[in-house]
Amino acid sequence: MRAVLVTGASSGIGYAAALELQRGGFAVYAGVRNDGDAAHLRALGDAVHPLTLDVTKPDEIAKAAERIRADALPLQAVICNAGIALGGPLEFMPLDRLRYQLEVNLVGQLAVVQAMLPSLRESRGRLVFIGSIAGRIAPPFIGPYAASKAALAALTDALRIELASSGSGVTVSLFEFGDVKTPIWEKGRTSLDRLEQQASPEQQRYYGDILDPMRNSLKNGGERGMDVAIAAHAICTAAVGARPRDRYLLGASAKIGALVALLPVHTRGKILRKAMHLPS
């Protein structure tokens, strides 16, 4: 039996990927952050092995790598799915929030990769990263998230060449999704409500008018997004199927976003403001 590590497996894409891999006969190491999520994953079957794995904690990453090596199952792939989305106007963005966004979505991804590469080199396995079309078009008010995904795309491109030139046999794939139906939309609405409650009078004066358009944007993304099972199937195919591609652009919103990204910056900005019903 071969194994796959999935980070951020407690819900959404990660959970759906763990379920599909387990059904496909793989041992799944599922990264979670609490015991409740671990219990939920254990219910999927004996082939699913929850691991306490916060990608910002080096000791948990080291323990996960040790566990996988001790079990001695060939590591077919690592699916780097763990991530968060923090938003708000950059003018008032606490820098600690920006640092945490990058720590989870960028630095933490590389930390996991570094720990797992010895096992992946032995099996000539695969790395699969979950990016976003936001890394190409940078929608307003999710600047920290977009920045993390743009940086992740650069990191994967460099890593792909480095691993190929070192004879590792490890492939690197990046998924650039648009809207996917996951709990991230509800989390976004909760975050937006908290932002409104904590806003200073100055923040309200400058940005109060954008809250309702942002709520509508989150609502539309959750309703119109790609089914999470479709996204998970594509990811699992890249992880364990034949001939993985370097990049995957999936979903109608992702393909539209890729076209918008080719337009002049000023034109792109006008399209984004209109699409999100933002004041001009």
Protein backbone atom coordinates (compact mmCIF):
# COMPACT_ATOMS: atom_id res chain seq x y z
CA MET A 1 0.00 0.00 0.00
CA ARG A 2 1.20 3.49 -0.87
CA ALA A 3 0.54 6.57 1.22
CA VAL A 4 -0.46 10.19 0.60
CA LEU A 5 -0.22 13.09 3.05
CA VAL A 6 -3.00 15.69 2.87
CA THR A 7 -2.61 18.84 4.94
CA GLY A 8 -5.67 20.82 6.00
CA ALA A 9 -7.84 17.71 5.81
CA SER A 10 -10.46 18.61 8.41
CA SER A 11 -12.94 20.04 5.90
CA GLY A 12 -13.47 21.22 2.35
CA ILE A 13 -11.06 20.15 -0.38
CA GLY A 14 -8.70 18.37 2.02
CA TYR A 15 -11.42 16.24 3.54
CA ALA A 16 -12.88 15.36 0.13
CA ALA A 17 -9.42 14.41 -1.17
CA ALA A 18 -8.76 12.20 1.86
CA LEU A 19 -12.08 10.45 1.27
CA GLU A 20 -11.36 9.80 -2.41
CA LEU A 21 -7.83 8.55 -1.76
CA GLN A 22 -9.06 6.20 0.95
CA ARG A 23 -11.65 4.80 -1.44
CA GLY A 24 -8.89 4.34 -4.01
CA GLY A 25 -6.91 2.07 -1.73
CA PHE A 26 -4.30 4.50 -0.44
CA ALA A 27 -3.23 5.04 3.13
CA VAL A 28 -4.03 8.66 3.92
CA TYR A 29 -2.16 10.72 6.47
CA ALA A 30 -4.62 13.53 7.17
CA GLY A 31 -3.30 16.70 8.77
CA VAL A 32 -5.66 18.31 11.29
CA ARG A 33 -5.35 20.77 14.15
CA ASN A 34 -7.61 19.32 16.85
CA ASP A 35 -8.91 16.06 18.28
CA GLY A 36 -12.47 16.64 17.10
CA ASP A 37 -11.40 16.80 13.47
CA ALA A 38 -9.19 13.74 13.98
CA ALA A 39 -12.15 11.72 15.28
CA HIS A 40 -14.26 12.82 12.32
CA LEU A 41 -11.61 11.57 9.90
CA ARG A 42 -11.08 8.27 11.69
CA ALA A 43 -14.71 7.48 10.89
CA LEU A 44 -13.74 7.26 7.21
CA GLY A 45 -11.95 3.96 7.82
CA ASP A 46 -8.77 2.29 9.01
CA ALA A 47 -6.77 3.57 6.04
CA VAL A 48 -7.10 7.18 7.22
CA HIS A 49 -4.52 8.21 9.81
CA PRO A 50 -5.14 11.67 11.32
CA LEU A 51 -2.00 13.59 12.29
CA THR A 52 -1.88 16.70 14.45
CA LEU A 53 -0.29 19.01 11.94
CA ASP A 54 -0.38 22.79 12.17
CA VAL A 55 1.88 23.91 9.33
CA THR A 56 3.12 26.85 11.40
CA LYS A 57 4.51 24.57 14.14
CA PRO A 58 7.88 22.98 13.34
CA ASP A 59 7.60 20.34 16.08
CA GLU A 60 4.30 19.03 14.68
CA ILE A 61 5.74 18.92 11.17
CA ALA A 62 8.77 16.98 12.43
CA LYS A 63 6.59 14.49 14.31
CA ALA A 64 4.41 13.95 11.23
CA ALA A 65 7.49 13.23 9.11
CA GLU A 66 8.82 10.81 11.73
CA ARG A 67 5.48 8.98 11.89
CA ILE A 68 5.33 8.55 8.13
CA ARG A 69 8.89 7.26 7.94
CA ALA A 70 8.32 4.89 10.87
CA ASP A 71 5.29 3.35 9.18
CA ALA A 72 7.52 2.60 6.17
CA LEU A 73 4.78 2.99 3.57
CA PRO A 74 6.05 4.50 0.29
CA LEU A 75 4.98 8.14 0.21
CA GLN A 76 3.31 8.62 -3.16
CA ALA A 77 2.40 12.29 -2.76
CA VAL A 78 2.03 15.28 -0.47
CA ILE A 79 -1.02 17.45 -1.10
CA CYS A 80 -0.30 20.88 0.38
CA ASN A 81 -3.85 22.03 0.97
CA ALA A 82 -3.75 23.76 4.37
CA GLY A 83 -4.54 27.44 4.08
CA ILE A 84 -6.49 30.41 5.35
CA ALA A 85 -7.97 33.53 3.76
CA LEU A 86 -7.61 36.84 5.58
CA GLY A 87 -9.07 40.01 4.17
CA GLY A 88 -9.78 43.65 4.78
CA PRO A 89 -8.49 46.97 3.46
CA LEU A 90 -4.71 46.99 3.30
CA GLU A 91 -4.63 50.57 4.56
CA PHE A 92 -5.69 49.30 7.98
CA MET A 93 -4.41 45.71 7.85
CA PRO A 94 -2.59 44.76 11.08
CA LEU A 95 0.83 43.60 9.97
CA ASP A 96 0.67 40.59 12.29
CA ARG A 97 -2.35 39.37 10.32
CA LEU A 98 -0.43 39.72 7.06
CA ARG A 99 2.53 37.85 8.54
CA TYR A 100 0.25 35.05 9.74
CA GLN A 101 -1.38 34.78 6.31
CA LEU A 102 2.02 34.32 4.69
CA GLU A 103 3.19 31.99 7.45
CA VAL A 104 0.31 29.59 6.83
CA ASN A 105 -0.11 29.81 3.06
CA LEU A 106 3.53 30.14 2.04
CA VAL A 107 6.18 29.51 4.69
CA GLY A 108 4.24 26.62 6.23
CA GLN A 109 3.89 24.96 2.84
CA LEU A 110 7.63 24.95 2.29
CA ALA A 111 8.25 23.74 5.84
CA VAL A 112 6.09 20.67 5.20
CA VAL A 113 7.77 20.07 1.84
CA GLN A 114 11.25 20.23 3.32
CA ALA A 115 10.31 17.68 5.98
CA MET A 116 8.70 15.27 3.50
CA LEU A 117 11.15 15.47 0.60
CA PRO A 118 13.49 12.74 1.87
CA SER A 119 10.56 10.29 1.74
CA LEU A 120 9.34 11.64 -1.61
CA ARG A 121 12.81 11.28 -3.12
CA GLU A 122 12.87 7.63 -2.13
CA SER A 123 9.54 6.97 -3.84
CA ARG A 124 10.04 9.50 -6.69
CA GLY A 125 6.71 10.91 -5.61
CA ARG A 126 4.70 14.04 -6.19
CA LEU A 127 4.01 17.42 -4.65
CA VAL A 128 0.60 18.98 -5.22
CA PHE A 129 -0.05 22.57 -4.13
CA ILE A 130 -3.44 24.25 -3.84
CA GLY A 131 -3.22 27.75 -5.23
CA SER A 132 -5.83 30.21 -6.45
CA ILE A 133 -6.62 32.36 -9.46
CA ALA A 134 -6.51 35.21 -6.94
CA GLY A 135 -2.74 34.90 -7.23
CA ARG A 136 -3.03 36.21 -10.79
CA ILE A 137 -5.68 38.91 -10.50
CA ALA A 138 -5.49 40.04 -6.82
CA PRO A 139 -9.09 41.04 -6.05
CA PRO A 140 -9.46 43.99 -3.66
CA PHE A 141 -9.90 43.43 0.07
CA ILE A 142 -8.31 39.97 0.00
CA GLY A 143 -4.85 41.34 -0.69
CA PRO A 144 -3.06 39.20 1.93
CA TYR A 145 -4.60 36.00 0.55
CA ALA A 146 -3.88 36.97 -3.06
CA ALA A 147 -0.30 37.85 -2.16
CA SER A 148 0.21 34.47 -0.50
CA LYS A 149 -1.10 32.63 -3.56
CA ALA A 150 0.98 34.70 -5.98
CA ALA A 151 4.06 33.92 -3.91
CA LEU A 152 3.10 30.24 -3.77
CA ALA A 153 2.96 30.11 -7.57
CA ALA A 154 6.48 31.56 -7.75
CA LEU A 155 7.71 29.12 -5.12
CA THR A 156 6.32 26.10 -6.96
CA ASP A 157 7.82 27.18 -10.29
CA ALA A 158 11.27 27.53 -8.73
CA LEU A 159 10.92 24.30 -6.75
CA ARG A 160 9.87 22.34 -9.85
CA ILE A 161 13.07 23.28 -11.69
CA GLU A 162 15.28 22.75 -8.65
CA LEU A 163 13.94 19.25 -7.98
CA ALA A 164 14.22 18.30 -11.64
CA SER A 165 17.80 19.54 -11.88
CA SER A 166 18.79 17.61 -8.74
CA GLY A 167 17.53 14.31 -10.14
CA SER A 168 14.90 13.88 -7.45
CA GLY A 169 12.22 12.35 -9.66
CA VAL A 170 9.66 14.40 -7.69
CA THR A 171 7.06 16.25 -9.76
CA VAL A 172 5.44 19.54 -8.70
CA SER A 173 1.87 20.52 -9.62
CA LEU A 174 -0.03 23.71 -8.80
CA PHE A 175 -3.81 24.02 -8.90
CA GLU A 176 -5.22 27.47 -9.56
CA PHE A 177 -8.86 27.23 -8.56
CA GLY A 178 -11.60 29.78 -8.83
CA ASP A 179 -14.65 29.46 -6.63
CA VAL A 180 -15.11 26.07 -4.93
CA LYS A 181 -17.99 25.21 -2.60
CA THR A 182 -16.20 24.85 0.74
CA PRO A 183 -16.60 26.26 4.29
CA ILE A 184 -14.14 29.04 3.41
CA TRP A 185 -17.05 31.23 2.27
CA GLU A 186 -18.83 31.00 5.60
CA LYS A 187 -15.54 31.69 7.36
CA GLY A 188 -15.14 34.73 5.12
CA ARG A 189 -18.55 36.06 6.11
CA THR A 190 -17.74 35.55 9.79
CA SER A 191 -14.44 37.37 9.31
CA LEU A 192 -16.21 40.23 7.55
CA ASP A 193 -18.72 40.58 10.40
CA ARG A 194 -15.85 40.70 12.90
CA LEU A 195 -14.10 43.31 10.77
CA GLU A 196 -17.21 45.48 10.79
CA GLN A 197 -17.59 45.20 14.56
CA GLN A 198 -13.96 46.16 15.16
CA ALA A 199 -13.76 48.95 12.57
CA SER A 200 -12.78 52.39 13.78
CA PRO A 201 -14.83 55.45 12.74
CA GLU A 202 -12.12 56.24 10.21
CA GLN A 203 -12.31 52.77 8.70
CA GLN A 204 -16.08 52.99 8.55
CA ARG A 205 -15.88 56.36 6.80
CA TYR A 206 -13.51 55.15 4.11
CA TYR A 207 -14.64 51.55 3.63
CA GLY A 208 -18.07 51.13 5.21
CA ASP A 209 -19.73 51.15 1.79
CA ILE A 210 -17.87 48.06 0.62
CA LEU A 211 -19.18 45.66 3.28
CA ASP A 212 -22.45 44.80 1.56
CA PRO A 213 -20.82 44.26 -1.86
CA MET A 214 -18.26 42.01 -0.16
CA ARG A 215 -21.02 39.99 1.52
CA ASN A 216 -22.73 39.54 -1.83
CA SER A 217 -19.46 38.48 -3.43
CA LEU A 218 -18.92 35.85 -0.73
CA LYS A 219 -22.50 34.64 -1.09
CA ASN A 220 -22.14 34.28 -4.87
CA GLY A 221 -18.84 32.47 -4.57
CA GLY A 222 -20.32 29.92 -2.20
CA GLU A 223 -23.38 29.34 -4.36
CA ARG A 224 -21.79 29.29 -7.80
CA GLY A 225 -18.53 27.56 -7.01
CA MET A 226 -17.33 24.22 -8.32
CA ASP A 227 -18.47 21.19 -6.37
CA VAL A 228 -15.76 20.23 -3.90
CA ALA A 229 -15.84 16.60 -5.05
CA ILE A 230 -14.85 17.66 -8.58
CA ALA A 231 -11.94 19.69 -7.23
CA ALA A 232 -10.82 16.81 -5.01
CA HIS A 233 -10.98 14.31 -7.87
CA ALA A 234 -8.72 16.49 -10.01
CA ILE A 235 -6.25 16.86 -7.16
CA CYS A 236 -6.15 13.13 -6.50
CA THR A 237 -5.60 12.45 -10.19
CA ALA A 238 -2.58 14.75 -10.11
CA ALA A 239 -1.32 13.05 -6.95
CA VAL A 240 -1.67 9.40 -7.97
CA GLY A 241 -2.77 9.26 -11.62
CA ALA A 242 -0.75 9.13 -14.82
CA ARG A 243 1.29 12.06 -16.15
CA PRO A 244 0.62 14.95 -13.75
CA ARG A 245 0.71 18.43 -15.28
CA ASP A 246 2.73 21.37 -13.97
CA ARG A 247 -0.33 23.57 -13.56
CA TYR A 248 -4.08 23.05 -13.51
CA LEU A 249 -6.56 25.86 -14.16
CA LEU A 250 -9.96 24.56 -13.08
CA GLY A 251 -13.41 26.08 -12.92
CA ALA A 252 -15.20 28.68 -15.01
CA SER A 253 -14.30 31.52 -12.64
CA ALA A 254 -10.62 30.53 -12.77
CA LYS A 255 -10.58 30.52 -16.57
CA ILE A 256 -12.33 33.88 -16.72
CA GLY A 257 -9.89 35.22 -14.15
CA ALA A 258 -6.94 34.02 -16.23
CA LEU A 259 -8.25 35.99 -19.21
CA VAL A 260 -8.83 39.08 -17.08
CA ALA A 261 -5.26 38.80 -15.80
CA LEU A 262 -4.00 39.36 -19.36
CA LEU A 263 -5.67 42.76 -19.63
CA PRO A 264 -3.97 46.08 -18.84
CA VAL A 265 -3.88 46.78 -15.12
CA HIS A 266 -6.24 49.76 -15.28
CA THR A 267 -8.79 47.82 -17.33
CA ARG A 268 -8.52 44.86 -14.97
CA GLY A 269 -9.22 47.12 -12.01
CA LYS A 270 -12.34 48.56 -13.63
CA ILE A 271 -13.64 45.05 -14.36
CA LEU A 272 -13.04 43.90 -10.79
CA ARG A 273 -14.77 46.94 -9.29
CA LYS A 274 -17.76 46.46 -11.56
CA ALA A 275 -17.97 42.71 -10.94
CA MET A 276 -17.88 43.24 -7.17
CA HIS A 277 -20.24 46.26 -7.31
CA LEU A 278 -17.70 48.49 -5.58
CA PRO A 279 -17.99 52.28 -5.54
CA SER A 280 -15.97 53.93 -8.31
